[in-house]
């Protein structure tokens, strides 16, 4: 029987129970499922609530305490616990998987003869979300027709595991406090021969909490994404060349932001784009990283 380990990382995520509940309807014919939850908090305070939520599952839940406030450490603890699972599936803490999500991901892997599958993440905004945010959908990962693997994240992914060359590969803890560790991981296994595809029909939902509606939260996330790009893989240019390129792009985004100043959606789009390039410049110049935001939606 095929064994599938579902991996879920959390750090004080209040909505974790709804993610676990949504996994109860993921039965797959001919598959034995197991949920592995890695708690990245300093203490095991969430253990009782996580185990209670797991009581409603028709398959086993394994709780792992993986402290340090570093998502890469939690992800690696999940990979270690997955052992010889044939497949591993990852979903973000707080995300909601519809009935048939896992079967859809496995089906996409079979149809595409793929080792790795990425699925979309659709943001669910509360009524107080501003209009520009609903238009831009900055919390969503749509994987439109322009998207090509290995661009992907661990918020909704499936990976062939047992016996593969990448079974010993792990997430980089140097990226675990700012983000980008999952993009770096999937890019590296693509280089090891993993065949990748996108399952646009296997979407999960991400209810956006009020904390993540703050423009400051989005600005910091984009800035961190820029810093992570430097640490990930920008090896095609010298550091000086990369700094010049990023500074030029940041200036271009600022100009576009000014041109579109009367249009809130356009203005905010270019601001967030500019934050990515400003983050790249900051990393190259050795600027300190912002203090980690404890509600980053890890997973």
C-alpha atoms as a PDB file:
ATOM      1  CA  UNK A   1       0.000   0.000   0.000  1.00  0.00           C
ATOM      2  CA  UNK A   2       1.235   3.471  -0.887  1.00  0.00           C
ATOM      3  CA  UNK A   3       2.197   5.561   2.152  1.00  0.00           C
ATOM      4  CA  UNK A   4       1.643   9.328   2.162  1.00  0.00           C
ATOM      5  CA  UNK A   5       2.898  11.619   4.936  1.00  0.00           C
ATOM      6  CA  UNK A   6       1.211  15.028   5.179  1.00  0.00           C
ATOM      7  CA  UNK A   7       3.598  17.572   6.703  1.00  0.00           C
ATOM      8  CA  UNK A   8       2.367  20.595   8.631  1.00  0.00           C
ATOM      9  CA  UNK A   9       4.550  23.175  10.426  1.00  0.00           C
ATOM     10  CA  UNK A  10       3.190  25.679  12.915  1.00  0.00           C
ATOM     11  CA  UNK A  11       4.259  28.448  15.278  1.00  0.00           C
ATOM     12  CA  UNK A  12       1.434  29.624  17.536  1.00  0.00           C
ATOM     13  CA  UNK A  13      -1.011  29.392  14.652  1.00  0.00           C
ATOM     14  CA  UNK A  14      -4.484  29.851  16.102  1.00  0.00           C
ATOM     15  CA  UNK A  15      -6.219  28.488  12.994  1.00  0.00           C
ATOM     16  CA  UNK A  16      -4.263  25.230  12.940  1.00  0.00           C
ATOM     17  CA  UNK A  17      -7.280  23.190  14.090  1.00  0.00           C
ATOM     18  CA  UNK A  18      -9.231  24.107  10.956  1.00  0.00           C
ATOM     19  CA  UNK A  19      -6.377  22.889   8.785  1.00  0.00           C
ATOM     20  CA  UNK A  20      -6.275  19.563  10.611  1.00  0.00           C
ATOM     21  CA  UNK A  21     -10.063  19.241  10.378  1.00  0.00           C
ATOM     22  CA  UNK A  22      -9.953  19.802   6.612  1.00  0.00           C
ATOM     23  CA  UNK A  23      -7.567  16.867   6.234  1.00  0.00           C
ATOM     24  CA  UNK A  24     -10.138  14.420   7.600  1.00  0.00           C
ATOM     25  CA  UNK A  25     -11.755  14.198   4.135  1.00  0.00           C
ATOM     26  CA  UNK A  26      -8.567  13.350   2.247  1.00  0.00           C
ATOM     27  CA  UNK A  27      -8.994   9.586   1.961  1.00  0.00           C
ATOM     28  CA  UNK A  28      -7.212   8.172  -1.095  1.00  0.00           C
ATOM     29  CA  UNK A  29      -7.947   4.670  -2.338  1.00  0.00           C
ATOM     30  CA  UNK A  30      -4.950   2.391  -1.876  1.00  0.00           C
ATOM     31  CA  UNK A  31      -3.080   4.870   0.315  1.00  0.00           C
ATOM     32  CA  UNK A  32      -2.176   4.909   3.999  1.00  0.00           C
ATOM     33  CA  UNK A  33      -2.102   8.480   5.302  1.00  0.00           C
ATOM     34  CA  UNK A  34      -0.269   9.992   8.264  1.00  0.00           C
ATOM     35  CA  UNK A  35      -0.175  13.598   9.463  1.00  0.00           C
ATOM     36  CA  UNK A  36       3.067  14.944  10.947  1.00  0.00           C
ATOM     37  CA  UNK A  37       2.805  18.267  12.819  1.00  0.00           C
ATOM     38  CA  UNK A  38       6.016  20.076  13.758  1.00  0.00           C
ATOM     39  CA  UNK A  39       5.554  22.716  16.454  1.00  0.00           C
ATOM     40  CA  UNK A  40       8.182  25.449  16.015  1.00  0.00           C
ATOM     41  CA  UNK A  41       7.340  27.241  19.281  1.00  0.00           C
ATOM     42  CA  UNK A  42       9.778  27.390  22.200  1.00  0.00           C
ATOM     43  CA  UNK A  43       7.449  25.316  24.396  1.00  0.00           C
ATOM     44  CA  UNK A  44       5.024  22.454  23.805  1.00  0.00           C
ATOM     45  CA  UNK A  45       2.017  24.496  24.922  1.00  0.00           C
ATOM     46  CA  UNK A  46       0.129  23.689  21.712  1.00  0.00           C
ATOM     47  CA  UNK A  47       0.565  19.917  21.995  1.00  0.00           C
ATOM     48  CA  UNK A  48      -2.756  19.156  23.805  1.00  0.00           C
ATOM     49  CA  UNK A  49      -4.810  21.204  21.325  1.00  0.00           C
ATOM     50  CA  UNK A  50      -3.057  19.647  18.334  1.00  0.00           C
ATOM     51  CA  UNK A  51      -3.586  16.115  19.634  1.00  0.00           C
ATOM     52  CA  UNK A  52      -7.258  16.862  20.378  1.00  0.00           C
ATOM     53  CA  UNK A  53      -7.741  18.098  16.819  1.00  0.00           C
ATOM     54  CA  UNK A  54      -6.092  14.919  15.575  1.00  0.00           C
ATOM     55  CA  UNK A  55      -8.607  12.736  17.423  1.00  0.00           C
ATOM     56  CA  UNK A  56     -11.134  13.423  14.651  1.00  0.00           C
ATOM     57  CA  UNK A  57      -8.825  12.179  11.903  1.00  0.00           C
ATOM     58  CA  UNK A  58      -9.290   8.710  10.377  1.00  0.00           C
ATOM     59  CA  UNK A  59      -5.503   8.294  10.322  1.00  0.00           C
ATOM     60  CA  UNK A  60      -2.574   8.841  12.711  1.00  0.00           C
ATOM     61  CA  UNK A  61      -1.197  12.216  13.806  1.00  0.00           C
ATOM     62  CA  UNK A  62       2.405  12.480  15.023  1.00  0.00           C
ATOM     63  CA  UNK A  63       3.339  15.566  17.057  1.00  0.00           C
ATOM     64  CA  UNK A  64       6.969  16.771  16.969  1.00  0.00           C
ATOM     65  CA  UNK A  65       8.400  19.597  19.026  1.00  0.00           C
ATOM     66  CA  UNK A  66      10.943  21.378  16.792  1.00  0.00           C
ATOM     67  CA  UNK A  67      11.782  24.614  18.637  1.00  0.00           C
ATOM     68  CA  UNK A  68      13.823  27.659  17.593  1.00  0.00           C
ATOM     69  CA  UNK A  69      11.354  29.905  15.757  1.00  0.00           C
ATOM     70  CA  UNK A  70      12.994  28.821  12.483  1.00  0.00           C
ATOM     71  CA  UNK A  71      10.632  27.285   9.937  1.00  0.00           C
ATOM     72  CA  UNK A  72      13.439  25.388   8.187  1.00  0.00           C
ATOM     73  CA  UNK A  73      14.137  23.477  11.415  1.00  0.00           C
ATOM     74  CA  UNK A  74      10.469  22.496  11.665  1.00  0.00           C
ATOM     75  CA  UNK A  75      10.337  21.463   8.013  1.00  0.00           C
ATOM     76  CA  UNK A  76      13.452  19.320   8.426  1.00  0.00           C
ATOM     77  CA  UNK A  77      11.968  17.641  11.507  1.00  0.00           C
ATOM     78  CA  UNK A  78       8.968  16.705   9.363  1.00  0.00           C
ATOM     79  CA  UNK A  79      11.198  15.275   6.643  1.00  0.00           C
ATOM     80  CA  UNK A  80      13.106  13.224   9.208  1.00  0.00           C
ATOM     81  CA  UNK A  81       9.833  11.881  10.623  1.00  0.00           C
ATOM     82  CA  UNK A  82       8.465  11.040   7.165  1.00  0.00           C
ATOM     83  CA  UNK A  83      10.965   8.195   6.957  1.00  0.00           C
ATOM     84  CA  UNK A  84      10.261   5.967   3.978  1.00  0.00           C
ATOM     85  CA  UNK A  85       6.909   7.430   2.977  1.00  0.00           C
ATOM     86  CA  UNK A  86       6.327   7.023  -0.751  1.00  0.00           C
ATOM     87  CA  UNK A  87       5.042  10.598  -1.014  1.00  0.00           C
ATOM     88  CA  UNK A  88       5.113  13.668   1.195  1.00  0.00           C
ATOM     89  CA  UNK A  89       2.495  16.400   0.938  1.00  0.00           C
ATOM     90  CA  UNK A  90       2.885  19.845   2.500  1.00  0.00           C
ATOM     91  CA  UNK A  91       0.192  22.349   3.417  1.00  0.00           C
ATOM     92  CA  UNK A  92       0.382  25.672   5.217  1.00  0.00           C
ATOM     93  CA  UNK A  93      -0.795  26.094   8.784  1.00  0.00           C
ATOM     94  CA  UNK A  94      -4.185  27.787   8.647  1.00  0.00           C
ATOM     95  CA  UNK A  95      -4.865  26.661   5.075  1.00  0.00           C
ATOM     96  CA  UNK A  96      -8.028  24.714   4.314  1.00  0.00           C
ATOM     97  CA  UNK A  97      -7.921  21.717   1.985  1.00  0.00           C
ATOM     98  CA  UNK A  98     -11.176  20.907   0.159  1.00  0.00           C
ATOM     99  CA  UNK A  99     -12.428  17.343  -0.168  1.00  0.00           C
ATOM    100  CA  UNK A 100     -10.337  15.521  -2.763  1.00  0.00           C
ATOM    101  CA  UNK A 101      -7.332  17.855  -2.517  1.00  0.00           C
ATOM    102  CA  UNK A 102      -4.764  15.121  -1.916  1.00  0.00           C
ATOM    103  CA  UNK A 103      -6.286  12.806  -4.523  1.00  0.00           C
ATOM    104  CA  UNK A 104      -6.104  15.682  -7.009  1.00  0.00           C
ATOM    105  CA  UNK A 105      -2.426  16.277  -6.288  1.00  0.00           C
ATOM    106  CA  UNK A 106      -1.596  12.587  -6.658  1.00  0.00           C
ATOM    107  CA  UNK A 107      -3.659  12.438  -9.853  1.00  0.00           C
ATOM    108  CA  UNK A 108      -1.738  15.376 -11.314  1.00  0.00           C
ATOM    109  CA  UNK A 109       1.547  13.618 -10.520  1.00  0.00           C
ATOM    110  CA  UNK A 110       0.351  10.479 -12.265  1.00  0.00           C
ATOM    111  CA  UNK A 111      -0.968  12.275 -15.359  1.00  0.00           C
ATOM    112  CA  UNK A 112       2.119  14.457 -15.683  1.00  0.00           C
ATOM    113  CA  UNK A 113       4.575  11.668 -14.798  1.00  0.00           C
ATOM    114  CA  UNK A 114       5.889  14.130 -12.200  1.00  0.00           C
ATOM    115  CA  UNK A 115       7.862  13.785  -8.984  1.00  0.00           C
ATOM    116  CA  UNK A 116       6.737  17.125  -7.568  1.00  0.00           C
ATOM    117  CA  UNK A 117       3.388  18.917  -7.808  1.00  0.00           C
ATOM    118  CA  UNK A 118       2.500  22.476  -6.773  1.00  0.00           C
ATOM    119  CA  UNK A 119      -1.081  23.583  -6.167  1.00  0.00           C
ATOM    120  CA  UNK A 120      -2.545  27.105  -5.927  1.00  0.00           C
ATOM    121  CA  UNK A 121      -3.262  28.917  -2.674  1.00  0.00           C
ATOM    122  CA  UNK A 122      -6.287  31.245  -2.766  1.00  0.00           C
ATOM    123  CA  UNK A 123      -6.594  33.995  -0.177  1.00  0.00           C
ATOM    124  CA  UNK A 124      -9.964  34.358   1.581  1.00  0.00           C
ATOM    125  CA  UNK A 125     -10.281  37.983   2.665  1.00  0.00           C
ATOM    126  CA  UNK A 126     -12.477  39.174   5.545  1.00  0.00           C
ATOM    127  CA  UNK A 127     -14.987  41.994   4.938  1.00  0.00           C
ATOM    128  CA  UNK A 128     -12.609  44.655   6.257  1.00  0.00           C
ATOM    129  CA  UNK A 129      -9.951  43.922   3.623  1.00  0.00           C
ATOM    130  CA  UNK A 130      -9.359  46.973   1.396  1.00  0.00           C
ATOM    131  CA  UNK A 131     -10.425  46.947  -2.236  1.00  0.00           C
ATOM    132  CA  UNK A 132      -6.850  47.128  -3.575  1.00  0.00           C
ATOM    133  CA  UNK A 133      -5.929  43.990  -1.632  1.00  0.00           C
ATOM    134  CA  UNK A 134      -8.857  42.059  -3.069  1.00  0.00           C
ATOM    135  CA  UNK A 135      -7.801  43.177  -6.542  1.00  0.00           C
ATOM    136  CA  UNK A 136      -4.099  42.397  -6.220  1.00  0.00           C
ATOM    137  CA  UNK A 137      -4.497  39.222  -4.133  1.00  0.00           C
ATOM    138  CA  UNK A 138      -0.999  39.582  -2.609  1.00  0.00           C
ATOM    139  CA  UNK A 139      -1.616  36.660  -0.238  1.00  0.00           C
ATOM    140  CA  UNK A 140      -2.544  34.249  -3.045  1.00  0.00           C
ATOM    141  CA  UNK A 141      -0.362  31.946  -5.131  1.00  0.00           C
ATOM    142  CA  UNK A 142      -2.452  31.446  -8.276  1.00  0.00           C
ATOM    143  CA  UNK A 143       0.098  29.616 -10.476  1.00  0.00           C
ATOM    144  CA  UNK A 144      -1.291  31.145 -13.637  1.00  0.00           C
ATOM    145  CA  UNK A 145      -0.326  29.989 -17.124  1.00  0.00           C
ATOM    146  CA  UNK A 146       2.868  32.047 -17.034  1.00  0.00           C
ATOM    147  CA  UNK A 147       4.191  30.175 -14.002  1.00  0.00           C
ATOM    148  CA  UNK A 148       6.700  27.431 -14.677  1.00  0.00           C
ATOM    149  CA  UNK A 149       8.281  25.050 -12.154  1.00  0.00           C
ATOM    150  CA  UNK A 150      10.525  24.926 -10.190  1.00  0.00           C
ATOM    151  CA  UNK A 151       8.888  28.098  -8.848  1.00  0.00           C
ATOM    152  CA  UNK A 152       6.802  26.815  -5.966  1.00  0.00           C
ATOM    153  CA  UNK A 153       6.260  26.880  -2.235  1.00  0.00           C
ATOM    154  CA  UNK A 154       5.476  24.443   0.555  1.00  0.00           C
ATOM    155  CA  UNK A 155       2.029  25.904   1.242  1.00  0.00           C
ATOM    156  CA  UNK A 156       0.536  23.355  -1.177  1.00  0.00           C
ATOM    157  CA  UNK A 157       2.934  20.783  -2.596  1.00  0.00           C
ATOM    158  CA  UNK A 158       3.458  17.066  -3.139  1.00  0.00           C
ATOM    159  CA  UNK A 159       6.794  15.281  -3.564  1.00  0.00           C
ATOM    160  CA  UNK A 160       7.777  11.728  -4.424  1.00  0.00           C
ATOM    161  CA  UNK A 161      10.037  10.683  -1.548  1.00  0.00           C
ATOM    162  CA  UNK A 162      11.115   7.098  -0.866  1.00  0.00           C
ATOM    163  CA  UNK A 163      14.256   6.066  -2.699  1.00  0.00           C
ATOM    164  CA  UNK A 164      14.677   9.366  -4.565  1.00  0.00           C
ATOM    165  CA  UNK A 165      18.027  11.192  -4.824  1.00  0.00           C
ATOM    166  CA  UNK A 166      16.614  14.109  -2.830  1.00  0.00           C
ATOM    167  CA  UNK A 167      15.439  12.027   0.147  1.00  0.00           C
ATOM    168  CA  UNK A 168      18.491  13.249   2.043  1.00  0.00           C
ATOM    169  CA  UNK A 169      18.028  16.908   1.016  1.00  0.00           C
ATOM    170  CA  UNK A 170      16.953  19.341   3.739  1.00  0.00           C
ATOM    171  CA  UNK A 171      15.796  22.969   4.037  1.00  0.00           C
ATOM    172  CA  UNK A 172      18.452  25.606   4.688  1.00  0.00           C
ATOM    173  CA  UNK A 173      18.172  27.028   8.242  1.00  0.00           C
ATOM    174  CA  UNK A 174      19.919  30.217   7.057  1.00  0.00           C
ATOM    175  CA  UNK A 175      16.678  31.036   5.230  1.00  0.00           C
ATOM    176  CA  UNK A 176      14.330  29.816   7.936  1.00  0.00           C
ATOM    177  CA  UNK A 177      13.761  33.151   9.667  1.00  0.00           C
ATOM    178  CA  UNK A 178      13.084  35.286   6.616  1.00  0.00           C
ATOM    179  CA  UNK A 179      11.431  32.929   4.119  1.00  0.00           C
ATOM    180  CA  UNK A 180      12.523  31.488   0.804  1.00  0.00           C
ATOM    181  CA  UNK A 181      13.703  28.203   2.306  1.00  0.00           C
ATOM    182  CA  UNK A 182      11.022  26.290   0.413  1.00  0.00           C
ATOM    183  CA  UNK A 183      11.770  27.925  -2.964  1.00  0.00           C
ATOM    184  CA  UNK A 184      15.447  27.147  -2.399  1.00  0.00           C
ATOM    185  CA  UNK A 185      14.620  23.519  -1.522  1.00  0.00           C
ATOM    186  CA  UNK A 186      12.452  22.905  -4.577  1.00  0.00           C
ATOM    187  CA  UNK A 187      14.933  24.632  -6.875  1.00  0.00           C
ATOM    188  CA  UNK A 188      17.679  22.343  -5.590  1.00  0.00           C
ATOM    189  CA  UNK A 189      15.718  19.129  -6.098  1.00  0.00           C
ATOM    190  CA  UNK A 190      14.823  20.265  -9.607  1.00  0.00           C
ATOM    191  CA  UNK A 191      18.567  20.338 -10.204  1.00  0.00           C
ATOM    192  CA  UNK A 192      18.701  16.758  -8.918  1.00  0.00           C
ATOM    193  CA  UNK A 193      16.291  15.621 -11.630  1.00  0.00           C
ATOM    194  CA  UNK A 194      12.857  16.000 -10.003  1.00  0.00           C
ATOM    195  CA  UNK A 195      10.164  16.382 -12.672  1.00  0.00           C
ATOM    196  CA  UNK A 196       7.696  19.088 -11.717  1.00  0.00           C
ATOM    197  CA  UNK A 197       4.182  20.084 -12.654  1.00  0.00           C
ATOM    198  CA  UNK A 198       1.331  22.310 -11.450  1.00  0.00           C
ATOM    199  CA  UNK A 199      -2.125  21.047 -10.418  1.00  0.00           C
ATOM    200  CA  UNK A 200      -4.223  24.174 -10.933  1.00  0.00           C
ATOM    201  CA  UNK A 201      -7.367  22.340  -9.822  1.00  0.00           C
ATOM    202  CA  UNK A 202      -5.929  21.247  -6.447  1.00  0.00           C
ATOM    203  CA  UNK A 203      -6.374  24.597  -4.719  1.00  0.00           C
ATOM    204  CA  UNK A 204      -6.274  25.210  -0.979  1.00  0.00           C
ATOM    205  CA  UNK A 205      -7.774  28.250   0.749  1.00  0.00           C
ATOM    206  CA  UNK A 206      -5.914  30.640   3.030  1.00  0.00           C
ATOM    207  CA  UNK A 207      -8.215  32.690   5.327  1.00  0.00           C
ATOM    208  CA  UNK A 208      -6.274  35.928   5.842  1.00  0.00           C
ATOM    209  CA  UNK A 209      -6.165  37.038   9.468  1.00  0.00           C
ATOM    210  CA  UNK A 210      -6.478  40.750  10.400  1.00  0.00           C
ATOM    211  CA  UNK A 211      -2.801  40.796  11.376  1.00  0.00           C
ATOM    212  CA  UNK A 212      -1.779  39.953   7.817  1.00  0.00           C
ATOM    213  CA  UNK A 213      -4.036  42.652   6.362  1.00  0.00           C
ATOM    214  CA  UNK A 214      -1.686  45.360   7.616  1.00  0.00           C
ATOM    215  CA  UNK A 215       0.276  47.033   4.790  1.00  0.00           C
ATOM    216  CA  UNK A 216       3.322  46.894   7.087  1.00  0.00           C
ATOM    217  CA  UNK A 217       3.075  43.104   7.197  1.00  0.00           C
ATOM    218  CA  UNK A 218       3.027  42.853   3.406  1.00  0.00           C
ATOM    219  CA  UNK A 219       5.857  45.364   3.068  1.00  0.00           C
ATOM    220  CA  UNK A 220       8.041  43.395   5.478  1.00  0.00           C
ATOM    221  CA  UNK A 221       7.249  40.108   3.751  1.00  0.00           C
ATOM    222  CA  UNK A 222       8.276  41.526   0.364  1.00  0.00           C
ATOM    223  CA  UNK A 223      11.446  42.998   1.876  1.00  0.00           C
ATOM    224  CA  UNK A 224      12.351  39.635   3.412  1.00  0.00           C
ATOM    225  CA  UNK A 225      11.687  37.949   0.062  1.00  0.00           C
ATOM    226  CA  UNK A 226      14.321  40.197  -1.470  1.00  0.00           C
ATOM    227  CA  UNK A 227      16.833  39.379   1.257  1.00  0.00           C
ATOM    228  CA  UNK A 228      16.151  35.674   0.793  1.00  0.00           C
ATOM    229  CA  UNK A 229      16.750  35.899  -2.959  1.00  0.00           C
ATOM    230  CA  UNK A 230      20.344  36.892  -2.282  1.00  0.00           C
ATOM    231  CA  UNK A 231      20.879  33.989   0.106  1.00  0.00           C
ATOM    232  CA  UNK A 232      19.061  31.536  -2.158  1.00  0.00           C
ATOM    233  CA  UNK A 233      20.826  31.568  -5.453  1.00  0.00           C
ATOM    234  CA  UNK A 234      21.557  34.840  -7.253  1.00  0.00           C
ATOM    235  CA  UNK A 235      24.808  33.529  -8.651  1.00  0.00           C
ATOM    236  CA  UNK A 236      24.584  34.793 -12.213  1.00  0.00           C
ATOM    237  CA  UNK A 237      25.965  38.240 -11.329  1.00  0.00           C
ATOM    238  CA  UNK A 238      28.732  39.508  -9.094  1.00  0.00           C
ATOM    239  CA  UNK A 239      27.555  41.086  -5.859  1.00  0.00           C
ATOM    240  CA  UNK A 240      28.313  44.512  -7.292  1.00  0.00           C
ATOM    241  CA  UNK A 241      26.420  43.685 -10.466  1.00  0.00           C
ATOM    242  CA  UNK A 242      23.467  42.341  -8.530  1.00  0.00           C
ATOM    243  CA  UNK A 243      23.414  45.428  -6.317  1.00  0.00           C
ATOM    244  CA  UNK A 244      23.388  47.707  -9.348  1.00  0.00           C
ATOM    245  CA  UNK A 245      20.623  45.703 -11.007  1.00  0.00           C
ATOM    246  CA  UNK A 246      18.478  45.656  -7.862  1.00  0.00           C
ATOM    247  CA  UNK A 247      18.989  49.383  -7.215  1.00  0.00           C
ATOM    248  CA  UNK A 248      17.950  50.141 -10.787  1.00  0.00           C
ATOM    249  CA  UNK A 249      14.832  47.998 -10.448  1.00  0.00           C
ATOM    250  CA  UNK A 250      13.974  49.601  -7.097  1.00  0.00           C
ATOM    251  CA  UNK A 251      14.242  53.024  -8.700  1.00  0.00           C
ATOM    252  CA  UNK A 252      12.030  51.925 -11.572  1.00  0.00           C
ATOM    253  CA  UNK A 253       9.392  50.638  -9.160  1.00  0.00           C
ATOM    254  CA  UNK A 254       9.486  53.945  -7.256  1.00  0.00           C
ATOM    255  CA  UNK A 255       8.935  55.805 -10.518  1.00  0.00           C
ATOM    256  CA  UNK A 256       5.999  53.569 -11.457  1.00  0.00           C
ATOM    257  CA  UNK A 257       4.583  54.030  -7.969  1.00  0.00           C
ATOM    258  CA  UNK A 258       4.706  57.808  -8.413  1.00  0.00           C
ATOM    259  CA  UNK A 259       3.132  57.621 -11.879  1.00  0.00           C
ATOM    260  CA  UNK A 260       0.279  55.518 -10.514  1.00  0.00           C
ATOM    261  CA  UNK A 261      -0.139  57.497  -7.299  1.00  0.00           C
ATOM    262  CA  UNK A 262      -3.822  58.220  -8.001  1.00  0.00           C
ATOM    263  CA  UNK A 263      -4.650  54.517  -8.386  1.00  0.00           C
ATOM    264  CA  UNK A 264      -4.430  52.726  -5.027  1.00  0.00           C
ATOM    265  CA  UNK A 265      -4.045  49.242  -6.497  1.00  0.00           C
ATOM    266  CA  UNK A 266      -1.366  50.276  -8.961  1.00  0.00           C
ATOM    267  CA  UNK A 267       0.489  52.333  -6.340  1.00  0.00           C
ATOM    268  CA  UNK A 268       0.570  49.500  -3.832  1.00  0.00           C
ATOM    269  CA  UNK A 269       1.562  46.945  -6.454  1.00  0.00           C
ATOM    270  CA  UNK A 270       4.674  48.891  -7.392  1.00  0.00           C
ATOM    271  CA  UNK A 271       5.469  49.643  -3.759  1.00  0.00           C
ATOM    272  CA  UNK A 272       5.477  45.941  -2.867  1.00  0.00           C
ATOM    273  CA  UNK A 273       7.543  45.116  -5.953  1.00  0.00           C
ATOM    274  CA  UNK A 274      10.022  47.796  -4.943  1.00  0.00           C
ATOM    275  CA  UNK A 275      10.283  46.313  -1.465  1.00  0.00           C
ATOM    276  CA  UNK A 276      11.669  43.113  -2.965  1.00  0.00           C
ATOM    277  CA  UNK A 277      14.493  44.982  -4.688  1.00  0.00           C
ATOM    278  CA  UNK A 278      15.131  47.131  -1.623  1.00  0.00           C
ATOM    279  CA  UNK A 279      15.480  43.901   0.359  1.00  0.00           C
ATOM    280  CA  UNK A 280      18.047  42.624  -2.135  1.00  0.00           C
ATOM    281  CA  UNK A 281      20.040  45.834  -1.799  1.00  0.00           C
ATOM    282  CA  UNK A 282      19.845  45.711   2.001  1.00  0.00           C
ATOM    283  CA  UNK A 283      21.137  42.131   2.107  1.00  0.00           C
ATOM    284  CA  UNK A 284      24.020  42.924  -0.228  1.00  0.00           C
ATOM    285  CA  UNK A 285      24.932  45.970   1.873  1.00  0.00           C
ATOM    286  CA  UNK A 286      24.899  43.935   5.087  1.00  0.00           C
ATOM    287  CA  UNK A 287      21.922  45.681   6.655  1.00  0.00           C
ATOM    288  CA  UNK A 288      20.438  43.850   9.672  1.00  0.00           C
ATOM    289  CA  UNK A 289      17.425  41.644   9.161  1.00  0.00           C
ATOM    290  CA  UNK A 290      14.118  42.818  10.660  1.00  0.00           C
ATOM    291  CA  UNK A 291      13.038  41.050  13.842  1.00  0.00           C
ATOM    292  CA  UNK A 292      10.966  37.947  12.961  1.00  0.00           C
ATOM    293  CA  UNK A 293       7.205  38.480  12.888  1.00  0.00           C
ATOM    294  CA  UNK A 294       5.655  35.805  15.084  1.00  0.00           C
ATOM    295  CA  UNK A 295       2.572  35.537  12.904  1.00  0.00           C
ATOM    296  CA  UNK A 296       4.156  34.781   9.592  1.00  0.00           C
ATOM    297  CA  UNK A 297       1.792  31.965   8.684  1.00  0.00           C
ATOM    298  CA  UNK A 298       4.556  29.428   8.749  1.00  0.00           C
ATOM    299  CA  UNK A 299       3.947  26.320   6.805  1.00  0.00           C
END
